[in-house]
Amino acid sequence: MTFSGVFTALITPFNKDGTVDESALRSLVDRQIDAGIAGVVPMGTTGESPTLDPEEHIHVIELVVDQTDGRVPVIAGTGSNSTAEAIEMTRYAAEIGVDASLQVAPYYNKPTQEGLYRHFAAIAEAVDLPMVIYNIPSRTGKNIENETTLRLAKLSHVRAVKEASGDLRQMMDLISAKPESLAVLSGDDNLAFALCALGGVGVISVASNLVPSMVIEMIDAALRNDLVEARRRHYELLPLFEALFYETNPIPVKYALARRGLIEESYRLPMCPMSKANKARLDAVLDVYKGLGA
């Protein structure tokens, strides 16, 4: 598969009783495909993966693979802070028929750079499946340094990195030193334009859950080197990018989708509904995008 364009980090819709809303999930997948998305990414952070048990986790991936029916690639989040568990989950996902796995840096246990390398290398060796490494130190407590990423890029299954370090200097240095075989994708909507202008090739997006066509238009413009248009669209979307992080992701985007009647406003603890004050702030932003999908 080609790791380029806009991939949506899918939310996981829940019914009011907290069970997975399978019908809403299927509808969300179709909505993404109809918009022209490059691929979908179930069971990442945006999908509230830490609150689903392993059986539910795999079932959500199965549902997404079934609903896409080969129309777009599926990159399944199967990472863990246990290497053995990540290997097991990735094997299951490969059997289901996903196109690639998303592997987050091990969280909480804060391995060394050597430990990070061995973790990802062990998964790559154990499962014959393309891999996207996910660097998000604000969540995991540990940055994957470029030296480690470049070591991993020598492994045939390591095909892309989702960069959410927030450090443009790190991203620039990685892009300038990486082999052609490694794609660099933004993990932050608000930095996606900048990263593409610097040589990145796309984004794994939260905002595209809500406004897929608008995010696609921004990234497509950047990738065809129409930076004036891409910049215009970036600034058009920037208030929304920022508003979707008024509280911890995916709380705001799920509220926004529920506001449109696409899902129930339902979370699993420790995720909980937005405060009334932040809902009012987000409502004011969403009203600006009425008619544009939000």
C-alpha atoms as a PDB file:
ATOM      1  CA  MET A   1       0.000   0.000   0.000  1.00  0.00           C
ATOM      2  CA  THR A   2       0.984   3.652  -0.393  1.00  0.00           C
ATOM      3  CA  PHE A   3       1.429   5.652   2.801  1.00  0.00           C
ATOM      4  CA  SER A   4       0.396   9.026   1.433  1.00  0.00           C
ATOM      5  CA  GLY A   5      -2.592  11.315   1.887  1.00  0.00           C
ATOM      6  CA  VAL A   6      -5.179  11.552   4.652  1.00  0.00           C
ATOM      7  CA  PHE A   7      -5.837   8.583   6.896  1.00  0.00           C
ATOM      8  CA  THR A   8      -8.583   8.979   9.474  1.00  0.00           C
ATOM      9  CA  ALA A   9      -7.882   7.919  13.049  1.00  0.00           C
ATOM     10  CA  LEU A  10     -11.366   6.519  13.571  1.00  0.00           C
ATOM     11  CA  ILE A  11     -13.295   7.126  16.758  1.00  0.00           C
ATOM     12  CA  THR A  12     -15.067   4.129  18.289  1.00  0.00           C
ATOM     13  CA  PRO A  13     -18.783   4.874  18.684  1.00  0.00           C
ATOM     14  CA  PHE A  14     -20.487   3.468  21.755  1.00  0.00           C
ATOM     15  CA  ASN A  15     -24.143   2.897  22.521  1.00  0.00           C
ATOM     16  CA  LYS A  16     -25.610   4.532  25.616  1.00  0.00           C
ATOM     17  CA  ASP A  17     -24.876   1.350  27.572  1.00  0.00           C
ATOM     18  CA  GLY A  18     -21.189   1.521  26.616  1.00  0.00           C
ATOM     19  CA  THR A  19     -21.168  -1.293  24.081  1.00  0.00           C
ATOM     20  CA  VAL A  20     -19.650  -0.767  20.648  1.00  0.00           C
ATOM     21  CA  ASP A  21     -22.202   0.746  18.254  1.00  0.00           C
ATOM     22  CA  GLU A  22     -21.521  -1.464  15.258  1.00  0.00           C
ATOM     23  CA  SER A  23     -24.053   0.199  12.973  1.00  0.00           C
ATOM     24  CA  ALA A  24     -22.654   3.687  13.635  1.00  0.00           C
ATOM     25  CA  LEU A  25     -19.105   2.431  13.080  1.00  0.00           C
ATOM     26  CA  ARG A  26     -20.030   0.984   9.700  1.00  0.00           C
ATOM     27  CA  SER A  27     -21.731   4.243   8.731  1.00  0.00           C
ATOM     28  CA  LEU A  28     -18.679   6.256   9.759  1.00  0.00           C
ATOM     29  CA  VAL A  29     -16.445   4.057   7.612  1.00  0.00           C
ATOM     30  CA  ASP A  30     -18.713   4.547   4.589  1.00  0.00           C
ATOM     31  CA  ARG A  31     -18.792   8.306   5.188  1.00  0.00           C
ATOM     32  CA  GLN A  32     -14.992   8.379   5.134  1.00  0.00           C
ATOM     33  CA  ILE A  33     -14.736   6.338   1.956  1.00  0.00           C
ATOM     34  CA  ASP A  34     -17.378   8.449   0.211  1.00  0.00           C
ATOM     35  CA  ALA A  35     -15.298  11.544   1.030  1.00  0.00           C
ATOM     36  CA  GLY A  36     -12.260  10.069  -0.728  1.00  0.00           C
ATOM     37  CA  ILE A  37     -10.079   9.248   2.277  1.00  0.00           C
ATOM     38  CA  ALA A  38      -6.771   7.428   1.631  1.00  0.00           C
ATOM     39  CA  GLY A  39      -7.344   4.937   4.443  1.00  0.00           C
ATOM     40  CA  VAL A  40      -8.771   4.376   7.907  1.00  0.00           C
ATOM     41  CA  VAL A  41      -7.026   3.703  11.199  1.00  0.00           C
ATOM     42  CA  PRO A  42      -9.161   1.916  13.791  1.00  0.00           C
ATOM     43  CA  MET A  43      -8.080   1.293  17.376  1.00  0.00           C
ATOM     44  CA  GLY A  44      -5.604   4.090  17.821  1.00  0.00           C
ATOM     45  CA  THR A  45      -5.711   6.604  20.657  1.00  0.00           C
ATOM     46  CA  THR A  46      -8.669   8.333  18.995  1.00  0.00           C
ATOM     47  CA  GLY A  47     -10.500   5.004  19.044  1.00  0.00           C
ATOM     48  CA  GLU A  48     -10.221   4.813  22.863  1.00  0.00           C
ATOM     49  CA  SER A  49      -8.255   1.591  22.469  1.00  0.00           C
ATOM     50  CA  PRO A  50      -7.051   1.514  26.105  1.00  0.00           C
ATOM     51  CA  THR A  51     -10.639   0.962  27.282  1.00  0.00           C
ATOM     52  CA  LEU A  52     -11.518  -1.938  24.983  1.00  0.00           C
ATOM     53  CA  ASP A  53     -10.672  -5.480  26.029  1.00  0.00           C
ATOM     54  CA  PRO A  54      -8.686  -7.608  23.539  1.00  0.00           C
ATOM     55  CA  GLU A  55     -11.781  -9.335  22.131  1.00  0.00           C
ATOM     56  CA  GLU A  56     -13.533  -6.009  21.527  1.00  0.00           C
ATOM     57  CA  HIS A  57     -10.353  -4.534  20.071  1.00  0.00           C
ATOM     58  CA  ILE A  58     -10.099  -7.301  17.488  1.00  0.00           C
ATOM     59  CA  HIS A  59     -13.838  -7.194  16.810  1.00  0.00           C
ATOM     60  CA  VAL A  60     -13.698  -3.479  15.960  1.00  0.00           C
ATOM     61  CA  ILE A  61     -10.863  -4.162  13.529  1.00  0.00           C
ATOM     62  CA  GLU A  62     -12.902  -7.002  12.001  1.00  0.00           C
ATOM     63  CA  LEU A  63     -15.892  -4.706  11.544  1.00  0.00           C
ATOM     64  CA  VAL A  64     -13.793  -2.027   9.853  1.00  0.00           C
ATOM     65  CA  VAL A  65     -12.077  -4.514   7.524  1.00  0.00           C
ATOM     66  CA  ASP A  66     -15.444  -6.006   6.641  1.00  0.00           C
ATOM     67  CA  GLN A  67     -17.037  -2.615   5.957  1.00  0.00           C
ATOM     68  CA  THR A  68     -14.158  -1.249   3.887  1.00  0.00           C
ATOM     69  CA  ASP A  69     -14.302  -4.433   1.809  1.00  0.00           C
ATOM     70  CA  GLY A  70     -11.008  -3.589   0.164  1.00  0.00           C
ATOM     71  CA  ARG A  71     -12.119  -0.100  -0.933  1.00  0.00           C
ATOM     72  CA  VAL A  72      -9.408   1.632   1.131  1.00  0.00           C
ATOM     73  CA  PRO A  73      -6.481   0.363   3.205  1.00  0.00           C
ATOM     74  CA  VAL A  74      -6.940  -0.360   6.909  1.00  0.00           C
ATOM     75  CA  ILE A  75      -4.075   0.436   9.286  1.00  0.00           C
ATOM     76  CA  ALA A  76      -4.987  -1.236  12.573  1.00  0.00           C
ATOM     77  CA  GLY A  77      -3.754  -0.005  15.916  1.00  0.00           C
ATOM     78  CA  THR A  78      -2.319  -3.083  17.607  1.00  0.00           C
ATOM     79  CA  GLY A  79       0.375  -1.560  19.797  1.00  0.00           C
ATOM     80  CA  SER A  80       0.989  -2.199  23.466  1.00  0.00           C
ATOM     81  CA  ASN A  81       3.548  -1.532  26.166  1.00  0.00           C
ATOM     82  CA  SER A  82       4.002  -5.302  26.252  1.00  0.00           C
ATOM     83  CA  THR A  83       5.916  -6.527  23.219  1.00  0.00           C
ATOM     84  CA  ALA A  84       4.385 -10.005  23.475  1.00  0.00           C
ATOM     85  CA  GLU A  85       0.867  -8.561  23.530  1.00  0.00           C
ATOM     86  CA  ALA A  86       1.609  -6.293  20.564  1.00  0.00           C
ATOM     87  CA  ILE A  87       2.852  -9.283  18.578  1.00  0.00           C
ATOM     88  CA  GLU A  88      -0.248 -11.304  19.455  1.00  0.00           C
ATOM     89  CA  MET A  89      -2.644  -8.487  18.540  1.00  0.00           C
ATOM     90  CA  THR A  90      -0.773  -7.794  15.307  1.00  0.00           C
ATOM     91  CA  ARG A  91      -0.947 -11.465  14.332  1.00  0.00           C
ATOM     92  CA  TYR A  92      -4.717 -11.425  14.853  1.00  0.00           C
ATOM     93  CA  ALA A  93      -5.030  -8.256  12.764  1.00  0.00           C
ATOM     94  CA  ALA A  94      -2.939  -9.767   9.966  1.00  0.00           C
ATOM     95  CA  GLU A  95      -5.219 -12.815   9.905  1.00  0.00           C
ATOM     96  CA  ILE A  96      -8.256 -10.536   9.643  1.00  0.00           C
ATOM     97  CA  GLY A  97      -6.739  -8.921   6.574  1.00  0.00           C
ATOM     98  CA  VAL A  98      -5.561  -5.446   7.553  1.00  0.00           C
ATOM     99  CA  ASP A  99      -3.086  -3.706   5.274  1.00  0.00           C
ATOM    100  CA  ALA A 100      -0.701  -2.461   7.979  1.00  0.00           C
ATOM    101  CA  SER A 101      -0.386  -2.044  11.729  1.00  0.00           C
ATOM    102  CA  LEU A 102       0.085   1.101  13.796  1.00  0.00           C
ATOM    103  CA  GLN A 103       2.546   0.517  16.627  1.00  0.00           C
ATOM    104  CA  VAL A 104       2.651   3.103  19.388  1.00  0.00           C
ATOM    105  CA  ALA A 105       5.795   3.532  21.464  1.00  0.00           C
ATOM    106  CA  PRO A 106       5.466   1.519  24.674  1.00  0.00           C
ATOM    107  CA  TYR A 107       3.843   3.746  27.279  1.00  0.00           C
ATOM    108  CA  TYR A 108       4.339   3.969  31.042  1.00  0.00           C
ATOM    109  CA  ASN A 109       7.338   1.618  31.228  1.00  0.00           C
ATOM    110  CA  LYS A 110       9.517   4.187  29.354  1.00  0.00           C
ATOM    111  CA  PRO A 111      12.070   1.913  27.654  1.00  0.00           C
ATOM    112  CA  THR A 112      15.487   3.090  26.550  1.00  0.00           C
ATOM    113  CA  GLN A 113      16.131   3.813  22.870  1.00  0.00           C
ATOM    114  CA  GLU A 114      17.609   0.315  22.594  1.00  0.00           C
ATOM    115  CA  GLY A 115      14.468  -1.079  24.195  1.00  0.00           C
ATOM    116  CA  LEU A 116      12.296   0.833  21.744  1.00  0.00           C
ATOM    117  CA  TYR A 117      14.319  -0.513  18.839  1.00  0.00           C
ATOM    118  CA  ARG A 118      14.064  -4.096  20.079  1.00  0.00           C
ATOM    119  CA  HIS A 119      10.319  -3.739  20.712  1.00  0.00           C
ATOM    120  CA  PHE A 120       9.482  -2.603  17.178  1.00  0.00           C
ATOM    121  CA  ALA A 121      12.025  -4.938  15.598  1.00  0.00           C
ATOM    122  CA  ALA A 122      10.528  -7.933  17.414  1.00  0.00           C
ATOM    123  CA  ILE A 123       7.063  -7.122  16.052  1.00  0.00           C
ATOM    124  CA  ALA A 124       8.425  -6.579  12.542  1.00  0.00           C
ATOM    125  CA  GLU A 125      10.225  -9.908  12.680  1.00  0.00           C
ATOM    126  CA  ALA A 126       7.255 -11.820  14.096  1.00  0.00           C
ATOM    127  CA  VAL A 127       4.505 -10.609  11.763  1.00  0.00           C
ATOM    128  CA  ASP A 128       4.665 -10.271   7.978  1.00  0.00           C
ATOM    129  CA  LEU A 129       2.823  -6.962   7.798  1.00  0.00           C
ATOM    130  CA  PRO A 130       3.805  -3.372   6.983  1.00  0.00           C
ATOM    131  CA  MET A 131       4.240  -1.254  10.105  1.00  0.00           C
ATOM    132  CA  VAL A 132       3.663   2.394  10.963  1.00  0.00           C
ATOM    133  CA  ILE A 133       5.612   3.506  14.036  1.00  0.00           C
ATOM    134  CA  TYR A 134       3.722   5.981  16.211  1.00  0.00           C
ATOM    135  CA  ASN A 135       5.763   8.571  18.090  1.00  0.00           C
ATOM    136  CA  ILE A 136       3.668  10.535  20.591  1.00  0.00           C
ATOM    137  CA  PRO A 137       5.785  11.348  23.648  1.00  0.00           C
ATOM    138  CA  SER A 138       3.055  13.484  25.235  1.00  0.00           C
ATOM    139  CA  ARG A 139       1.061  10.261  25.688  1.00  0.00           C
ATOM    140  CA  THR A 140       3.807   7.686  26.145  1.00  0.00           C
ATOM    141  CA  GLY A 141       6.373   9.633  28.162  1.00  0.00           C
ATOM    142  CA  LYS A 142       9.148   8.673  25.755  1.00  0.00           C
ATOM    143  CA  ASN A 143      10.324  10.224  22.480  1.00  0.00           C
ATOM    144  CA  ILE A 144      11.476   7.898  19.711  1.00  0.00           C
ATOM    145  CA  GLU A 145      14.672   9.623  18.686  1.00  0.00           C
ATOM    146  CA  ASN A 146      15.535   9.922  15.006  1.00  0.00           C
ATOM    147  CA  GLU A 147      18.536   7.650  15.343  1.00  0.00           C
ATOM    148  CA  THR A 148      16.221   4.882  16.535  1.00  0.00           C
ATOM    149  CA  THR A 149      13.676   5.533  13.767  1.00  0.00           C
ATOM    150  CA  LEU A 150      16.422   5.441  11.135  1.00  0.00           C
ATOM    151  CA  ARG A 151      17.701   2.122  12.516  1.00  0.00           C
ATOM    152  CA  LEU A 152      14.169   0.743  12.295  1.00  0.00           C
ATOM    153  CA  ALA A 153      13.736   2.079   8.757  1.00  0.00           C
ATOM    154  CA  LYS A 154      16.313  -0.484   7.629  1.00  0.00           C
ATOM    155  CA  LEU A 155      13.781  -3.227   8.437  1.00  0.00           C
ATOM    156  CA  SER A 156      11.654  -4.102   5.433  1.00  0.00           C
ATOM    157  CA  HIS A 157       8.318  -4.019   7.275  1.00  0.00           C
ATOM    158  CA  VAL A 158       8.847  -0.558   8.773  1.00  0.00           C
ATOM    159  CA  ARG A 159       7.211   1.623   6.132  1.00  0.00           C
ATOM    160  CA  ALA A 160       6.083   4.809   7.840  1.00  0.00           C
ATOM    161  CA  VAL A 161       6.169   6.859  11.006  1.00  0.00           C
ATOM    162  CA  LYS A 162       3.280   8.819  12.502  1.00  0.00           C
ATOM    163  CA  GLU A 163       5.102  11.806  13.945  1.00  0.00           C
ATOM    164  CA  ALA A 164       3.289  13.484  16.837  1.00  0.00           C
ATOM    165  CA  SER A 165       6.289  14.722  18.774  1.00  0.00           C
ATOM    166  CA  GLY A 166       5.292  18.325  18.061  1.00  0.00           C
ATOM    167  CA  ASP A 167       8.940  19.053  17.305  1.00  0.00           C
ATOM    168  CA  LEU A 168       9.301  20.375  13.760  1.00  0.00           C
ATOM    169  CA  ARG A 169      13.089  20.349  14.036  1.00  0.00           C
ATOM    170  CA  GLN A 170      13.019  16.641  14.811  1.00  0.00           C
ATOM    171  CA  MET A 171      10.671  16.056  11.885  1.00  0.00           C
ATOM    172  CA  MET A 172      12.843  18.056   9.482  1.00  0.00           C
ATOM    173  CA  ASP A 173      15.961  16.200  10.559  1.00  0.00           C
ATOM    174  CA  LEU A 174      14.175  12.874  10.092  1.00  0.00           C
ATOM    175  CA  ILE A 175      12.905  13.771   6.617  1.00  0.00           C
ATOM    176  CA  SER A 176      16.338  14.961   5.515  1.00  0.00           C
ATOM    177  CA  ALA A 177      18.040  11.753   6.670  1.00  0.00           C
ATOM    178  CA  LYS A 178      15.425   9.063   5.998  1.00  0.00           C
ATOM    179  CA  PRO A 179      15.535   6.524   3.162  1.00  0.00           C
ATOM    180  CA  GLU A 180      12.954   6.767   0.370  1.00  0.00           C
ATOM    181  CA  SER A 181      11.239   3.679   1.741  1.00  0.00           C
ATOM    182  CA  LEU A 182      10.095   5.499   4.908  1.00  0.00           C
ATOM    183  CA  ALA A 183       7.044   7.758   4.759  1.00  0.00           C
ATOM    184  CA  VAL A 184       6.625  10.488   7.372  1.00  0.00           C
ATOM    185  CA  LEU A 185       3.019  11.265   8.301  1.00  0.00           C
ATOM    186  CA  SER A 186       1.869  13.970  10.684  1.00  0.00           C
ATOM    187  CA  GLY A 187       0.118  12.836  13.830  1.00  0.00           C
ATOM    188  CA  ASP A 188      -1.135  16.374  14.487  1.00  0.00           C
ATOM    189  CA  ASP A 189      -3.684  18.091  12.253  1.00  0.00           C
ATOM    190  CA  ASN A 190      -2.343  21.534  13.095  1.00  0.00           C
ATOM    191  CA  LEU A 191       1.157  20.597  11.888  1.00  0.00           C
ATOM    192  CA  ALA A 192       0.098  18.552   8.862  1.00  0.00           C
ATOM    193  CA  PHE A 193       0.449  21.394   6.348  1.00  0.00           C
ATOM    194  CA  ALA A 194       3.863  22.368   7.705  1.00  0.00           C
ATOM    195  CA  LEU A 195       5.097  18.786   7.694  1.00  0.00           C
ATOM    196  CA  CYS A 196       3.926  18.203   4.107  1.00  0.00           C
ATOM    197  CA  ALA A 197       5.584  21.454   3.015  1.00  0.00           C
ATOM    198  CA  LEU A 198       8.812  20.125   4.545  1.00  0.00           C
ATOM    199  CA  GLY A 199       8.638  16.753   2.797  1.00  0.00           C
ATOM    200  CA  GLY A 200       6.104  14.731   4.760  1.00  0.00           C
ATOM    201  CA  VAL A 201       3.457  12.893   2.772  1.00  0.00           C
ATOM    202  CA  GLY A 202       0.227  13.113   4.742  1.00  0.00           C
ATOM    203  CA  VAL A 203      -1.545  12.928   8.054  1.00  0.00           C
ATOM    204  CA  ILE A 204      -3.290  10.468  10.330  1.00  0.00           C
ATOM    205  CA  SER A 205      -6.069  12.835  11.238  1.00  0.00           C
ATOM    206  CA  VAL A 206      -8.533  13.399  14.054  1.00  0.00           C
ATOM    207  CA  ALA A 207     -10.363  16.267  12.335  1.00  0.00           C
ATOM    208  CA  SER A 208     -11.121  14.167   9.266  1.00  0.00           C
ATOM    209  CA  ASN A 209     -13.591  12.200  11.373  1.00  0.00           C
ATOM    210  CA  LEU A 210     -15.674  15.364  11.131  1.00  0.00           C
ATOM    211  CA  VAL A 211     -14.597  17.187   7.948  1.00  0.00           C
ATOM    212  CA  PRO A 212     -12.814  14.601   5.784  1.00  0.00           C
ATOM    213  CA  SER A 213     -13.210  16.472   2.499  1.00  0.00           C
ATOM    214  CA  MET A 214     -11.699  19.673   3.893  1.00  0.00           C
ATOM    215  CA  VAL A 215      -8.654  17.903   5.323  1.00  0.00           C
ATOM    216  CA  ILE A 216      -8.198  15.987   2.071  1.00  0.00           C
ATOM    217  CA  GLU A 217      -8.287  19.230   0.073  1.00  0.00           C
ATOM    218  CA  MET A 218      -5.592  20.757   2.296  1.00  0.00           C
ATOM    219  CA  ILE A 219      -3.266  17.766   2.076  1.00  0.00           C
ATOM    220  CA  ASP A 220      -3.859  17.198  -1.638  1.00  0.00           C
ATOM    221  CA  ALA A 221      -2.910  20.828  -2.315  1.00  0.00           C
ATOM    222  CA  ALA A 222       0.247  20.475  -0.234  1.00  0.00           C
ATOM    223  CA  LEU A 223       1.264  17.237  -1.948  1.00  0.00           C
ATOM    224  CA  ARG A 224       0.872  18.765  -5.416  1.00  0.00           C
ATOM    225  CA  ASN A 225       3.067  21.629  -4.173  1.00  0.00           C
ATOM    226  CA  ASP A 226       0.286  24.220  -4.321  1.00  0.00           C
ATOM    227  CA  LEU A 227       1.434  25.730  -1.041  1.00  0.00           C
ATOM    228  CA  VAL A 228      -0.617  28.910  -1.388  1.00  0.00           C
ATOM    229  CA  GLU A 229      -3.849  26.915  -1.552  1.00  0.00           C
ATOM    230  CA  ALA A 230      -2.706  24.455   1.113  1.00  0.00           C
ATOM    231  CA  ARG A 231      -1.794  27.309   3.446  1.00  0.00           C
ATOM    232  CA  ARG A 232      -5.161  28.976   2.868  1.00  0.00           C
ATOM    233  CA  ARG A 233      -6.956  25.780   3.756  1.00  0.00           C
ATOM    234  CA  HIS A 234      -4.707  25.242   6.778  1.00  0.00           C
ATOM    235  CA  TYR A 235      -5.703  28.598   8.230  1.00  0.00           C
ATOM    236  CA  GLU A 236      -9.332  27.950   7.325  1.00  0.00           C
ATOM    237  CA  LEU A 237      -9.208  24.742   9.375  1.00  0.00           C
ATOM    238  CA  LEU A 238      -6.880  25.873  12.167  1.00  0.00           C
ATOM    239  CA  PRO A 239      -9.627  27.072  14.566  1.00  0.00           C
ATOM    240  CA  LEU A 240     -11.263  23.644  14.265  1.00  0.00           C
ATOM    241  CA  PHE A 241      -7.966  21.799  14.735  1.00  0.00           C
ATOM    242  CA  GLU A 242      -7.409  23.732  17.952  1.00  0.00           C
ATOM    243  CA  ALA A 243     -11.004  23.375  19.178  1.00  0.00           C
ATOM    244  CA  LEU A 244     -10.868  19.595  18.851  1.00  0.00           C
ATOM    245  CA  PHE A 245      -8.250  19.643  21.590  1.00  0.00           C
ATOM    246  CA  TYR A 246     -10.082  21.865  24.084  1.00  0.00           C
ATOM    247  CA  GLU A 247     -10.164  18.664  26.123  1.00  0.00           C
ATOM    248  CA  THR A 248      -8.379  15.359  25.743  1.00  0.00           C
ATOM    249  CA  ASN A 249      -8.850  13.651  22.370  1.00  0.00           C
ATOM    250  CA  PRO A 250     -11.261  12.056  21.434  1.00  0.00           C
ATOM    251  CA  ILE A 251     -13.729  13.805  23.754  1.00  0.00           C
ATOM    252  CA  PRO A 252     -14.273  16.917  21.586  1.00  0.00           C
ATOM    253  CA  VAL A 253     -14.478  15.132  18.234  1.00  0.00           C
ATOM    254  CA  LYS A 254     -16.972  12.616  19.617  1.00  0.00           C
ATOM    255  CA  TYR A 255     -19.076  15.468  20.958  1.00  0.00           C
ATOM    256  CA  ALA A 256     -18.929  17.157  17.542  1.00  0.00           C
ATOM    257  CA  LEU A 257     -19.990  13.956  15.770  1.00  0.00           C
ATOM    258  CA  ALA A 258     -22.804  13.427  18.273  1.00  0.00           C
ATOM    259  CA  ARG A 259     -23.925  17.014  17.717  1.00  0.00           C
ATOM    260  CA  ARG A 260     -24.419  16.101  14.056  1.00  0.00           C
ATOM    261  CA  GLY A 261     -26.391  12.979  14.990  1.00  0.00           C
ATOM    262  CA  LEU A 262     -23.766  10.568  13.663  1.00  0.00           C
ATOM    263  CA  ILE A 263     -23.060   8.852  16.994  1.00  0.00           C
ATOM    264  CA  GLU A 264     -24.210   8.819  20.610  1.00  0.00           C
ATOM    265  CA  GLU A 265     -22.223  11.062  22.927  1.00  0.00           C
ATOM    266  CA  SER A 266     -20.904   8.055  24.832  1.00  0.00           C
ATOM    267  CA  TYR A 267     -17.457   7.373  26.258  1.00  0.00           C
ATOM    268  CA  ARG A 268     -15.784   4.825  28.460  1.00  0.00           C
ATOM    269  CA  LEU A 269     -14.205   5.946  31.674  1.00  0.00           C
ATOM    270  CA  PRO A 270     -11.813   7.532  32.287  1.00  0.00           C
ATOM    271  CA  MET A 271     -12.992   9.475  29.205  1.00  0.00           C
ATOM    272  CA  CYS A 272     -16.103  11.485  30.057  1.00  0.00           C
ATOM    273  CA  PRO A 273     -18.287  14.211  28.467  1.00  0.00           C
ATOM    274  CA  MET A 274     -16.922  17.719  27.946  1.00  0.00           C
ATOM    275  CA  SER A 275     -17.603  20.442  30.462  1.00  0.00           C
ATOM    276  CA  LYS A 276     -20.506  22.752  29.629  1.00  0.00           C
ATOM    277  CA  ALA A 277     -18.120  25.666  29.207  1.00  0.00           C
ATOM    278  CA  ASN A 278     -15.974  23.823  26.673  1.00  0.00           C
ATOM    279  CA  LYS A 279     -19.030  22.540  24.840  1.00  0.00           C
ATOM    280  CA  ALA A 280     -20.155  26.140  24.411  1.00  0.00           C
ATOM    281  CA  ARG A 281     -16.704  27.133  23.133  1.00  0.00           C
ATOM    282  CA  LEU A 282     -16.660  24.206  20.701  1.00  0.00           C
ATOM    283  CA  ASP A 283     -20.228  24.918  19.563  1.00  0.00           C
ATOM    284  CA  ALA A 284     -19.173  28.430  18.600  1.00  0.00           C
ATOM    285  CA  VAL A 285     -16.375  27.054  16.423  1.00  0.00           C
ATOM    286  CA  LEU A 286     -18.516  24.314  14.879  1.00  0.00           C
ATOM    287  CA  ASP A 287     -21.163  26.855  13.915  1.00  0.00           C
ATOM    288  CA  VAL A 288     -18.589  28.508  11.654  1.00  0.00           C
ATOM    289  CA  TYR A 289     -18.220  25.242   9.727  1.00  0.00           C
ATOM    290  CA  LYS A 290     -21.939  24.570   9.235  1.00  0.00           C
ATOM    291  CA  GLY A 291     -22.533  23.384   5.706  1.00  0.00           C
ATOM    292  CA  LEU A 292     -18.920  22.243   5.422  1.00  0.00           C
ATOM    293  CA  GLY A 293     -19.419  18.933   7.194  1.00  0.00           C
ATOM    294  CA  ALA A 294     -18.968  20.013  10.824  1.00  0.00           C
END
